Amino acid sequence: MRYSLGVDIGGTKIAIAIVAETGEIKDQVILNTNTKITSQEMIKQINLEIGQLIQQNDISIELLQGIGIGSPGPIDVHKGEITNPPNLPWNNVPIVELVKDHFHLPVKLENDANAATLAEKWIGAGVNYHNFAYLTVSTGIGAGVISEGHLLTGMSGNAGEIGHTVIDPAFGRCRCGQKGCLEVIASGTAIARNGSKIMGESLTTKNVFELYHNGQPEIVEFIDQVMERLGAGCVSLINTLDIEAIIIGGGVSQIGDLLFDTIQNYIEEHAFNPKGRETKIIPAKLNQSPGVIGAAAMCF
């Protein structure tokens, strides 16, 4: 059995896993992302945990195909650098070099949404599709694209940043500087922030959806607007990419039918191409660990 290491870097936590060539996680550890230390110090901790995982599972280096790293963008896959993610205070960090110098194994870097897309294509909901987008709706919004069976990466590995497509400027300014990005409308962070503003109290995303299901009029109106605009974002993906399906994962996807049925109905009415109106909107299969599995998949 061959193995590879997957590292999924997030703004609050970092998942590290040994993944078998079947896609199964053999062992995993979760670290808190410490933004009070330098990126180099954090990467030293990552390297330490990788080493301990290898040792604890008694896996010889010869059986390891490499280490795959998924990171929030922007990144530069050619330089192996994490450039300047808005949710992570790391600028031009040569993470591939820092990990490769420690382990002397092949190391690959990919956008985290792209890594999750690879996982869904490998062993998840995208197995039977050759043209699809994976959309993650969580703290932020990102996407990855499989076109004719291959991951669409772009010139530096940052293709798929649908979260920074302008949908409705009335929702205010995004951290990227534009007004009305999909992320500032429909991410979990945005839903909690705007729901709290409407109700005049601090609410989580879960609280907002509870109020929606309880019929709170202002929240119902707000969430209906959010779902419609998320549908518009999906129609933009369909019109641009001519895809068979959109697989949706991330924390907000856990609300279930409200999201999937609303988006499905929206695209059936608004997609430009009649064939596009048949695009399937389906839940991700690997909601727990798509990033770390996809990061490891890069090495197989």
C-alpha atoms as a PDB file:
ATOM      1  CA  MET A   1       0.000   0.000   0.000  1.00  0.00           C
ATOM      2  CA  ARG A   2       1.286   3.448  -0.933  1.00  0.00           C
ATOM      3  CA  TYR A   3       0.624   6.573   1.124  1.00  0.00           C
ATOM      4  CA  SER A   4       0.980  10.314   0.904  1.00  0.00           C
ATOM      5  CA  LEU A   5       0.661  13.160   3.384  1.00  0.00           C
ATOM      6  CA  GLY A   6      -2.058  15.765   3.021  1.00  0.00           C
ATOM      7  CA  VAL A   7      -1.872  19.174   4.718  1.00  0.00           C
ATOM      8  CA  ASP A   8      -4.949  21.400   4.666  1.00  0.00           C
ATOM      9  CA  ILE A   9      -4.140  24.917   5.902  1.00  0.00           C
ATOM     10  CA  GLY A  10      -6.943  27.122   7.168  1.00  0.00           C
ATOM     11  CA  GLY A  11      -7.242  30.420   8.964  1.00  0.00           C
ATOM     12  CA  THR A  12      -8.147  28.745  12.272  1.00  0.00           C
ATOM     13  CA  LYS A  13      -6.937  25.146  11.971  1.00  0.00           C
ATOM     14  CA  ILE A  14      -4.558  22.946  10.012  1.00  0.00           C
ATOM     15  CA  ALA A  15      -5.371  19.305   9.248  1.00  0.00           C
ATOM     16  CA  ILE A  16      -2.532  16.863   8.551  1.00  0.00           C
ATOM     17  CA  ALA A  17      -3.267  13.291   7.479  1.00  0.00           C
ATOM     18  CA  ILE A  18      -1.664  10.149   6.165  1.00  0.00           C
ATOM     19  CA  VAL A  19      -3.834   9.075   3.236  1.00  0.00           C
ATOM     20  CA  ALA A  20      -3.719   5.702   1.493  1.00  0.00           C
ATOM     21  CA  GLU A  21      -3.841   5.320  -2.290  1.00  0.00           C
ATOM     22  CA  THR A  22      -7.476   4.203  -1.836  1.00  0.00           C
ATOM     23  CA  GLY A  23      -8.353   7.636  -0.446  1.00  0.00           C
ATOM     24  CA  GLU A  24      -8.807   6.432   3.120  1.00  0.00           C
ATOM     25  CA  ILE A  25      -7.313   8.435   5.984  1.00  0.00           C
ATOM     26  CA  LYS A  26      -4.972   6.219   8.015  1.00  0.00           C
ATOM     27  CA  ASP A  27      -4.308   8.782  10.714  1.00  0.00           C
ATOM     28  CA  GLN A  28      -4.893  12.508  11.204  1.00  0.00           C
ATOM     29  CA  VAL A  29      -3.990  15.358  13.522  1.00  0.00           C
ATOM     30  CA  ILE A  30      -5.517  18.845  13.815  1.00  0.00           C
ATOM     31  CA  LEU A  31      -3.492  21.907  14.810  1.00  0.00           C
ATOM     32  CA  ASN A  32      -4.708  25.369  15.701  1.00  0.00           C
ATOM     33  CA  THR A  33      -3.396  27.981  13.283  1.00  0.00           C
ATOM     34  CA  ASN A  34      -1.340  30.265  15.492  1.00  0.00           C
ATOM     35  CA  THR A  35      -1.260  33.690  13.839  1.00  0.00           C
ATOM     36  CA  LYS A  36       0.724  35.160  16.735  1.00  0.00           C
ATOM     37  CA  ILE A  37       3.889  33.381  15.592  1.00  0.00           C
ATOM     38  CA  THR A  38       5.682  33.739  12.272  1.00  0.00           C
ATOM     39  CA  SER A  39       4.734  31.620   9.296  1.00  0.00           C
ATOM     40  CA  GLN A  40       8.144  29.926   9.445  1.00  0.00           C
ATOM     41  CA  GLU A  41       7.550  28.933  13.078  1.00  0.00           C
ATOM     42  CA  MET A  42       4.104  27.593  12.205  1.00  0.00           C
ATOM     43  CA  ILE A  43       5.556  25.564   9.355  1.00  0.00           C
ATOM     44  CA  LYS A  44       8.158  24.128  11.756  1.00  0.00           C
ATOM     45  CA  GLN A  45       5.223  22.889  13.863  1.00  0.00           C
ATOM     46  CA  ILE A  46       3.607  21.394  10.761  1.00  0.00           C
ATOM     47  CA  ASN A  47       6.850  19.596   9.881  1.00  0.00           C
ATOM     48  CA  LEU A  48       7.122  18.281  13.447  1.00  0.00           C
ATOM     49  CA  GLU A  49       3.582  16.883  13.333  1.00  0.00           C
ATOM     50  CA  ILE A  50       4.178  15.290   9.915  1.00  0.00           C
ATOM     51  CA  GLY A  51       7.289  13.595  11.261  1.00  0.00           C
ATOM     52  CA  GLN A  52       5.444  12.322  14.324  1.00  0.00           C
ATOM     53  CA  LEU A  53       2.571  10.962  12.203  1.00  0.00           C
ATOM     54  CA  ILE A  54       5.003   9.051  10.008  1.00  0.00           C
ATOM     55  CA  GLN A  55       6.807   7.651  13.041  1.00  0.00           C
ATOM     56  CA  GLN A  56       3.668   6.734  14.991  1.00  0.00           C
ATOM     57  CA  ASN A  57       2.237   4.845  12.010  1.00  0.00           C
ATOM     58  CA  ASP A  58       5.518   3.069  11.295  1.00  0.00           C
ATOM     59  CA  ILE A  59       5.523   4.002   7.598  1.00  0.00           C
ATOM     60  CA  SER A  60       8.827   3.884   5.754  1.00  0.00           C
ATOM     61  CA  ILE A  61       9.810   6.874   3.637  1.00  0.00           C
ATOM     62  CA  GLU A  62       9.974   4.557   0.613  1.00  0.00           C
ATOM     63  CA  LEU A  63       6.190   4.037   0.799  1.00  0.00           C
ATOM     64  CA  LEU A  64       5.455   7.789   0.830  1.00  0.00           C
ATOM     65  CA  GLN A  65       4.691   9.339  -2.550  1.00  0.00           C
ATOM     66  CA  GLY A  66       5.042  12.875  -1.252  1.00  0.00           C
ATOM     67  CA  ILE A  67       3.360  15.687   0.633  1.00  0.00           C
ATOM     68  CA  GLY A  68       0.483  17.714  -0.771  1.00  0.00           C
ATOM     69  CA  ILE A  69      -0.462  21.085   0.692  1.00  0.00           C
ATOM     70  CA  GLY A  70      -3.780  22.854   0.237  1.00  0.00           C
ATOM     71  CA  SER A  71      -3.829  26.540   1.173  1.00  0.00           C
ATOM     72  CA  PRO A  72      -6.184  29.493   0.885  1.00  0.00           C
ATOM     73  CA  GLY A  73      -5.342  31.666  -2.091  1.00  0.00           C
ATOM     74  CA  PRO A  74      -3.827  33.636  -3.552  1.00  0.00           C
ATOM     75  CA  ILE A  75      -0.920  31.243  -4.016  1.00  0.00           C
ATOM     76  CA  ASP A  76       1.773  30.728  -6.631  1.00  0.00           C
ATOM     77  CA  VAL A  77       2.073  27.033  -7.451  1.00  0.00           C
ATOM     78  CA  HIS A  78       5.137  27.577  -9.659  1.00  0.00           C
ATOM     79  CA  LYS A  79       7.117  29.283  -6.905  1.00  0.00           C
ATOM     80  CA  GLY A  80       5.572  27.072  -4.214  1.00  0.00           C
ATOM     81  CA  GLU A  81       4.501  30.150  -2.273  1.00  0.00           C
ATOM     82  CA  ILE A  82       1.491  31.188  -0.244  1.00  0.00           C
ATOM     83  CA  THR A  83       1.126  34.742  -1.485  1.00  0.00           C
ATOM     84  CA  ASN A  84      -1.276  36.764   0.693  1.00  0.00           C
ATOM     85  CA  PRO A  85      -4.518  35.040   1.800  1.00  0.00           C
ATOM     86  CA  PRO A  86      -7.016  37.472   3.365  1.00  0.00           C
ATOM     87  CA  ASN A  87      -7.752  35.041   6.240  1.00  0.00           C
ATOM     88  CA  LEU A  88      -4.105  34.202   6.956  1.00  0.00           C
ATOM     89  CA  PRO A  89      -1.359  36.778   7.680  1.00  0.00           C
ATOM     90  CA  TRP A  90       1.261  34.966   5.574  1.00  0.00           C
ATOM     91  CA  ASN A  91       2.901  36.878   2.738  1.00  0.00           C
ATOM     92  CA  ASN A  92       5.083  35.247   0.072  1.00  0.00           C
ATOM     93  CA  VAL A  93       5.822  32.228   2.277  1.00  0.00           C
ATOM     94  CA  PRO A  94       7.934  29.594   0.420  1.00  0.00           C
ATOM     95  CA  ILE A  95       6.119  26.696   2.047  1.00  0.00           C
ATOM     96  CA  VAL A  96       7.084  24.071  -0.543  1.00  0.00           C
ATOM     97  CA  GLU A  97      10.776  24.785  -0.043  1.00  0.00           C
ATOM     98  CA  LEU A  98      10.462  24.792   3.768  1.00  0.00           C
ATOM     99  CA  VAL A  99       8.709  21.415   3.819  1.00  0.00           C
ATOM    100  CA  LYS A 100      10.797  19.811   1.067  1.00  0.00           C
ATOM    101  CA  ASP A 101      14.079  20.784   2.744  1.00  0.00           C
ATOM    102  CA  HIS A 102      12.911  19.068   5.933  1.00  0.00           C
ATOM    103  CA  PHE A 103      11.687  15.758   4.484  1.00  0.00           C
ATOM    104  CA  HIS A 104      13.393  15.447   1.065  1.00  0.00           C
ATOM    105  CA  LEU A 105      10.137  14.222  -0.463  1.00  0.00           C
ATOM    106  CA  PRO A 106       8.168  15.613  -3.426  1.00  0.00           C
ATOM    107  CA  VAL A 107       5.976  18.477  -2.193  1.00  0.00           C
ATOM    108  CA  LYS A 108       3.080  20.021  -4.129  1.00  0.00           C
ATOM    109  CA  LEU A 109       1.016  23.126  -3.376  1.00  0.00           C
ATOM    110  CA  GLU A 110      -2.565  23.746  -4.496  1.00  0.00           C
ATOM    111  CA  ASN A 111      -5.397  26.120  -3.702  1.00  0.00           C
ATOM    112  CA  ASP A 112      -7.498  24.568  -0.913  1.00  0.00           C
ATOM    113  CA  ALA A 113     -10.743  24.632  -2.907  1.00  0.00           C
ATOM    114  CA  ASN A 114      -8.946  22.989  -5.825  1.00  0.00           C
ATOM    115  CA  ALA A 115      -7.587  20.315  -3.490  1.00  0.00           C
ATOM    116  CA  ALA A 116     -11.105  19.606  -2.192  1.00  0.00           C
ATOM    117  CA  THR A 117     -12.305  19.428  -5.801  1.00  0.00           C
ATOM    118  CA  LEU A 118      -9.698  16.749  -6.537  1.00  0.00           C
ATOM    119  CA  ALA A 119     -10.940  14.757  -3.531  1.00  0.00           C
ATOM    120  CA  GLU A 120     -14.556  14.908  -4.716  1.00  0.00           C
ATOM    121  CA  LYS A 121     -13.440  13.783  -8.180  1.00  0.00           C
ATOM    122  CA  TRP A 122     -11.304  10.974  -6.740  1.00  0.00           C
ATOM    123  CA  ILE A 123     -13.652   9.326  -4.222  1.00  0.00           C
ATOM    124  CA  GLY A 124     -16.537  11.746  -3.696  1.00  0.00           C
ATOM    125  CA  ALA A 125     -19.629  13.084  -5.418  1.00  0.00           C
ATOM    126  CA  GLY A 126     -17.730  13.944  -8.621  1.00  0.00           C
ATOM    127  CA  VAL A 127     -16.579  10.422  -9.518  1.00  0.00           C
ATOM    128  CA  ASN A 128     -19.012  10.087 -12.424  1.00  0.00           C
ATOM    129  CA  TYR A 129     -18.665  13.635 -13.759  1.00  0.00           C
ATOM    130  CA  HIS A 130     -16.054  14.910 -16.225  1.00  0.00           C
ATOM    131  CA  ASN A 131     -17.172  18.555 -16.100  1.00  0.00           C
ATOM    132  CA  PHE A 132     -18.213  19.989 -12.758  1.00  0.00           C
ATOM    133  CA  ALA A 133     -17.515  22.712 -10.227  1.00  0.00           C
ATOM    134  CA  TYR A 134     -17.037  22.161  -6.519  1.00  0.00           C
ATOM    135  CA  LEU A 135     -18.353  25.124  -4.522  1.00  0.00           C
ATOM    136  CA  THR A 136     -17.480  25.516  -0.858  1.00  0.00           C
ATOM    137  CA  VAL A 137     -19.723  27.860   1.132  1.00  0.00           C
ATOM    138  CA  SER A 138     -18.237  28.258   4.572  1.00  0.00           C
ATOM    139  CA  THR A 139     -16.251  31.011   6.327  1.00  0.00           C
ATOM    140  CA  GLY A 140     -15.536  32.202   2.797  1.00  0.00           C
ATOM    141  CA  ILE A 141     -16.618  31.034  -0.657  1.00  0.00           C
ATOM    142  CA  GLY A 142     -14.344  29.286  -3.113  1.00  0.00           C
ATOM    143  CA  ALA A 143     -14.602  26.903  -6.031  1.00  0.00           C
ATOM    144  CA  GLY A 144     -12.629  24.400  -8.025  1.00  0.00           C
ATOM    145  CA  VAL A 145     -13.340  23.256 -11.569  1.00  0.00           C
ATOM    146  CA  ILE A 146     -12.916  19.915 -13.298  1.00  0.00           C
ATOM    147  CA  SER A 147     -12.987  20.369 -17.089  1.00  0.00           C
ATOM    148  CA  GLU A 148     -12.912  17.274 -19.294  1.00  0.00           C
ATOM    149  CA  GLY A 149     -11.635  15.295 -16.332  1.00  0.00           C
ATOM    150  CA  HIS A 150      -8.787  17.654 -15.458  1.00  0.00           C
ATOM    151  CA  LEU A 151      -8.429  20.255 -12.717  1.00  0.00           C
ATOM    152  CA  LEU A 152      -8.554  23.793 -14.101  1.00  0.00           C
ATOM    153  CA  THR A 153      -5.832  25.694 -12.249  1.00  0.00           C
ATOM    154  CA  GLY A 154      -5.084  28.841 -14.235  1.00  0.00           C
ATOM    155  CA  MET A 155      -1.645  30.370 -14.702  1.00  0.00           C
ATOM    156  CA  SER A 156      -0.660  30.410 -11.015  1.00  0.00           C
ATOM    157  CA  GLY A 157      -3.117  28.009  -9.361  1.00  0.00           C
ATOM    158  CA  ASN A 158      -5.838  30.512  -8.440  1.00  0.00           C
ATOM    159  CA  ALA A 159      -8.630  29.606 -10.861  1.00  0.00           C
ATOM    160  CA  GLY A 160     -12.082  29.278  -9.321  1.00  0.00           C
ATOM    161  CA  GLU A 161     -12.276  32.307  -7.010  1.00  0.00           C
ATOM    162  CA  ILE A 162     -16.025  32.639  -7.520  1.00  0.00           C
ATOM    163  CA  GLY A 163     -16.316  34.172  -4.054  1.00  0.00           C
ATOM    164  CA  HIS A 164     -14.905  37.394  -5.461  1.00  0.00           C
ATOM    165  CA  THR A 165     -17.340  37.690  -8.338  1.00  0.00           C
ATOM    166  CA  VAL A 166     -19.502  40.790  -7.932  1.00  0.00           C
ATOM    167  CA  ILE A 167     -23.165  39.847  -7.569  1.00  0.00           C
ATOM    168  CA  ASP A 168     -24.873  42.706  -5.698  1.00  0.00           C
ATOM    169  CA  PRO A 169     -23.038  45.903  -4.643  1.00  0.00           C
ATOM    170  CA  ALA A 170     -25.846  46.729  -2.201  1.00  0.00           C
ATOM    171  CA  PHE A 171     -24.350  44.185   0.237  1.00  0.00           C
ATOM    172  CA  GLY A 172     -21.310  46.379   0.848  1.00  0.00           C
ATOM    173  CA  ARG A 173     -17.569  46.139   0.481  1.00  0.00           C
ATOM    174  CA  CYS A 174     -15.627  42.883   0.512  1.00  0.00           C
ATOM    175  CA  ARG A 175     -12.155  42.523   2.017  1.00  0.00           C
ATOM    176  CA  CYS A 176     -10.805  42.288  -1.528  1.00  0.00           C
ATOM    177  CA  GLY A 177     -11.911  45.890  -2.087  1.00  0.00           C
ATOM    178  CA  GLN A 178     -14.857  45.308  -4.403  1.00  0.00           C
ATOM    179  CA  LYS A 179     -18.477  45.904  -3.464  1.00  0.00           C
ATOM    180  CA  GLY A 180     -20.989  43.063  -3.517  1.00  0.00           C
ATOM    181  CA  CYS A 181     -18.798  39.971  -3.907  1.00  0.00           C
ATOM    182  CA  LEU A 182     -20.601  36.663  -3.491  1.00  0.00           C
ATOM    183  CA  GLU A 183     -18.477  36.026  -0.369  1.00  0.00           C
ATOM    184  CA  VAL A 184     -19.717  39.203   1.337  1.00  0.00           C
ATOM    185  CA  ILE A 185     -23.299  38.084   0.638  1.00  0.00           C
ATOM    186  CA  ALA A 186     -23.549  34.337   1.148  1.00  0.00           C
ATOM    187  CA  SER A 187     -20.587  33.061   3.183  1.00  0.00           C
ATOM    188  CA  GLY A 188     -21.288  31.833   6.691  1.00  0.00           C
ATOM    189  CA  THR A 189     -19.411  34.846   8.015  1.00  0.00           C
ATOM    190  CA  ALA A 190     -21.556  37.248   6.006  1.00  0.00           C
ATOM    191  CA  ILE A 191     -24.817  35.555   6.966  1.00  0.00           C
ATOM    192  CA  ALA A 192     -23.944  35.764  10.670  1.00  0.00           C
ATOM    193  CA  ARG A 193     -22.795  39.388  10.387  1.00  0.00           C
ATOM    194  CA  ASN A 194     -25.814  40.638   8.453  1.00  0.00           C
ATOM    195  CA  GLY A 195     -28.278  38.568  10.483  1.00  0.00           C
ATOM    196  CA  SER A 196     -26.832  40.047  13.670  1.00  0.00           C
ATOM    197  CA  LYS A 197     -27.221  43.540  12.217  1.00  0.00           C
ATOM    198  CA  ILE A 198     -30.863  42.886  11.325  1.00  0.00           C
ATOM    199  CA  MET A 199     -31.734  41.514  14.764  1.00  0.00           C
ATOM    200  CA  GLY A 200     -29.561  43.883  16.796  1.00  0.00           C
ATOM    201  CA  GLU A 201     -27.812  41.068  18.652  1.00  0.00           C
ATOM    202  CA  SER A 202     -24.850  38.774  18.141  1.00  0.00           C
ATOM    203  CA  LEU A 203     -25.900  35.684  16.160  1.00  0.00           C
ATOM    204  CA  THR A 204     -24.085  32.714  14.670  1.00  0.00           C
ATOM    205  CA  THR A 205     -24.892  31.417  11.188  1.00  0.00           C
ATOM    206  CA  LYS A 206     -26.787  28.562  12.848  1.00  0.00           C
ATOM    207  CA  ASN A 207     -28.833  31.064  14.887  1.00  0.00           C
ATOM    208  CA  VAL A 208     -29.787  32.958  11.728  1.00  0.00           C
ATOM    209  CA  PHE A 209     -31.078  29.810  10.016  1.00  0.00           C
ATOM    210  CA  GLU A 210     -33.009  28.836  13.150  1.00  0.00           C
ATOM    211  CA  LEU A 211     -34.750  32.201  13.002  1.00  0.00           C
ATOM    212  CA  TYR A 212     -35.429  31.612   9.304  1.00  0.00           C
ATOM    213  CA  HIS A 213     -37.077  28.245   9.995  1.00  0.00           C
ATOM    214  CA  ASN A 214     -39.076  29.836  12.821  1.00  0.00           C
ATOM    215  CA  GLY A 215     -40.462  32.359  10.328  1.00  0.00           C
ATOM    216  CA  GLN A 216     -38.882  35.569  11.652  1.00  0.00           C
ATOM    217  CA  PRO A 217     -40.069  37.935   8.865  1.00  0.00           C
ATOM    218  CA  GLU A 218     -36.955  40.101   8.452  1.00  0.00           C
ATOM    219  CA  ILE A 219     -34.638  37.088   8.519  1.00  0.00           C
ATOM    220  CA  VAL A 220     -36.837  35.199   6.039  1.00  0.00           C
ATOM    221  CA  GLU A 221     -36.621  38.142   3.634  1.00  0.00           C
ATOM    222  CA  PHE A 222     -32.848  38.391   4.139  1.00  0.00           C
ATOM    223  CA  ILE A 223     -32.111  34.664   3.638  1.00  0.00           C
ATOM    224  CA  ASP A 224     -34.359  34.531   0.565  1.00  0.00           C
ATOM    225  CA  GLN A 225     -32.231  37.315  -0.929  1.00  0.00           C
ATOM    226  CA  VAL A 226     -29.020  35.468  -0.020  1.00  0.00           C
ATOM    227  CA  MET A 227     -30.196  32.196  -1.592  1.00  0.00           C
ATOM    228  CA  GLU A 228     -31.269  33.984  -4.773  1.00  0.00           C
ATOM    229  CA  ARG A 229     -27.869  35.621  -5.117  1.00  0.00           C
ATOM    230  CA  LEU A 230     -26.111  32.338  -4.429  1.00  0.00           C
ATOM    231  CA  GLY A 231     -28.227  30.916  -7.239  1.00  0.00           C
ATOM    232  CA  ALA A 232     -27.046  33.756  -9.474  1.00  0.00           C
ATOM    233  CA  GLY A 233     -23.444  32.856  -8.661  1.00  0.00           C
ATOM    234  CA  CYS A 234     -24.101  29.255  -9.651  1.00  0.00           C
ATOM    235  CA  VAL A 235     -25.732  30.356 -12.911  1.00  0.00           C
ATOM    236  CA  SER A 236     -22.582  32.373 -13.647  1.00  0.00           C
ATOM    237  CA  LEU A 237     -20.507  29.208 -13.154  1.00  0.00           C
ATOM    238  CA  ILE A 238     -22.804  27.238 -15.456  1.00  0.00           C
ATOM    239  CA  ASN A 239     -22.914  29.905 -18.170  1.00  0.00           C
ATOM    240  CA  THR A 240     -19.131  30.335 -18.093  1.00  0.00           C
ATOM    241  CA  LEU A 241     -18.011  26.717 -17.762  1.00  0.00           C
ATOM    242  CA  ASP A 242     -20.762  24.635 -19.424  1.00  0.00           C
ATOM    243  CA  ILE A 243     -20.710  22.006 -16.649  1.00  0.00           C
ATOM    244  CA  GLU A 244     -22.780  18.951 -15.773  1.00  0.00           C
ATOM    245  CA  ALA A 245     -23.004  19.529 -12.033  1.00  0.00           C
ATOM    246  CA  ILE A 246     -22.172  21.819  -9.149  1.00  0.00           C
ATOM    247  CA  ILE A 247     -21.152  19.983  -5.985  1.00  0.00           C
ATOM    248  CA  ILE A 248     -21.659  22.140  -2.897  1.00  0.00           C
ATOM    249  CA  GLY A 249     -19.840  21.608   0.398  1.00  0.00           C
ATOM    250  CA  GLY A 250     -18.815  23.663   3.405  1.00  0.00           C
ATOM    251  CA  GLY A 251     -20.653  24.535   6.597  1.00  0.00           C
ATOM    252  CA  VAL A 252     -23.531  26.481   5.015  1.00  0.00           C
ATOM    253  CA  SER A 253     -24.360  23.486   2.792  1.00  0.00           C
ATOM    254  CA  GLN A 254     -25.466  21.649   5.938  1.00  0.00           C
ATOM    255  CA  ILE A 255     -28.755  23.571   5.909  1.00  0.00           C
ATOM    256  CA  GLY A 256     -29.844  21.071   3.256  1.00  0.00           C
ATOM    257  CA  ASP A 257     -32.916  21.421   1.073  1.00  0.00           C
ATOM    258  CA  LEU A 258     -33.288  25.182   1.537  1.00  0.00           C
ATOM    259  CA  LEU A 259     -29.989  25.691  -0.263  1.00  0.00           C
ATOM    260  CA  PHE A 260     -30.044  22.860  -2.801  1.00  0.00           C
ATOM    261  CA  ASP A 261     -33.691  23.183  -3.858  1.00  0.00           C
ATOM    262  CA  THR A 262     -33.539  26.975  -4.094  1.00  0.00           C
ATOM    263  CA  ILE A 263     -30.430  26.927  -6.274  1.00  0.00           C
ATOM    264  CA  GLN A 264     -31.762  24.085  -8.434  1.00  0.00           C
ATOM    265  CA  ASN A 265     -34.983  25.996  -9.062  1.00  0.00           C
ATOM    266  CA  TYR A 266     -33.058  29.187  -9.825  1.00  0.00           C
ATOM    267  CA  ILE A 267     -30.812  27.615 -12.468  1.00  0.00           C
ATOM    268  CA  GLU A 268     -33.743  25.796 -14.064  1.00  0.00           C
ATOM    269  CA  GLU A 269     -35.247  29.214 -14.684  1.00  0.00           C
ATOM    270  CA  HIS A 270     -32.210  31.388 -15.374  1.00  0.00           C
ATOM    271  CA  ALA A 271     -29.339  29.407 -16.942  1.00  0.00           C
ATOM    272  CA  PHE A 272     -28.753  30.736 -20.457  1.00  0.00           C
ATOM    273  CA  ASN A 273     -28.352  27.424 -22.272  1.00  0.00           C
ATOM    274  CA  PRO A 274     -31.369  25.059 -22.086  1.00  0.00           C
ATOM    275  CA  LYS A 275     -28.872  22.255 -21.426  1.00  0.00           C
ATOM    276  CA  GLY A 276     -27.412  24.334 -18.611  1.00  0.00           C
ATOM    277  CA  ARG A 277     -30.806  24.357 -16.909  1.00  0.00           C
ATOM    278  CA  GLU A 278     -30.367  20.607 -16.417  1.00  0.00           C
ATOM    279  CA  THR A 279     -27.171  21.064 -14.377  1.00  0.00           C
ATOM    280  CA  LYS A 280     -27.391  19.063 -11.173  1.00  0.00           C
ATOM    281  CA  ILE A 281     -26.883  20.753  -7.800  1.00  0.00           C
ATOM    282  CA  ILE A 282     -25.710  18.060  -5.403  1.00  0.00           C
ATOM    283  CA  PRO A 283     -24.191  17.867  -1.907  1.00  0.00           C
ATOM    284  CA  ALA A 284     -20.528  17.087  -1.409  1.00  0.00           C
ATOM    285  CA  LYS A 285     -19.774  13.578  -0.235  1.00  0.00           C
ATOM    286  CA  LEU A 286     -16.599  14.382   1.698  1.00  0.00           C
ATOM    287  CA  ASN A 287     -17.707  17.226   3.946  1.00  0.00           C
ATOM    288  CA  GLN A 288     -15.441  16.166   6.810  1.00  0.00           C
ATOM    289  CA  SER A 289     -12.014  16.022   5.174  1.00  0.00           C
ATOM    290  CA  PRO A 290     -12.066  16.966   1.465  1.00  0.00           C
ATOM    291  CA  GLY A 291      -9.164  19.415   1.724  1.00  0.00           C
ATOM    292  CA  VAL A 292      -6.698  17.054   3.356  1.00  0.00           C
ATOM    293  CA  ILE A 293      -7.682  14.094   1.131  1.00  0.00           C
ATOM    294  CA  GLY A 294      -7.418  16.256  -1.971  1.00  0.00           C
ATOM    295  CA  ALA A 295      -4.037  17.600  -0.908  1.00  0.00           C
ATOM    296  CA  ALA A 296      -2.773  14.025  -0.578  1.00  0.00           C
ATOM    297  CA  ALA A 297      -4.353  13.114  -3.916  1.00  0.00           C
ATOM    298  CA  MET A 298      -1.940  15.456  -5.704  1.00  0.00           C
ATOM    299  CA  CYS A 299       0.873  13.012  -4.932  1.00  0.00           C
ATOM    300  CA  PHE A 300      -0.795   9.939  -6.455  1.00  0.00           C
END
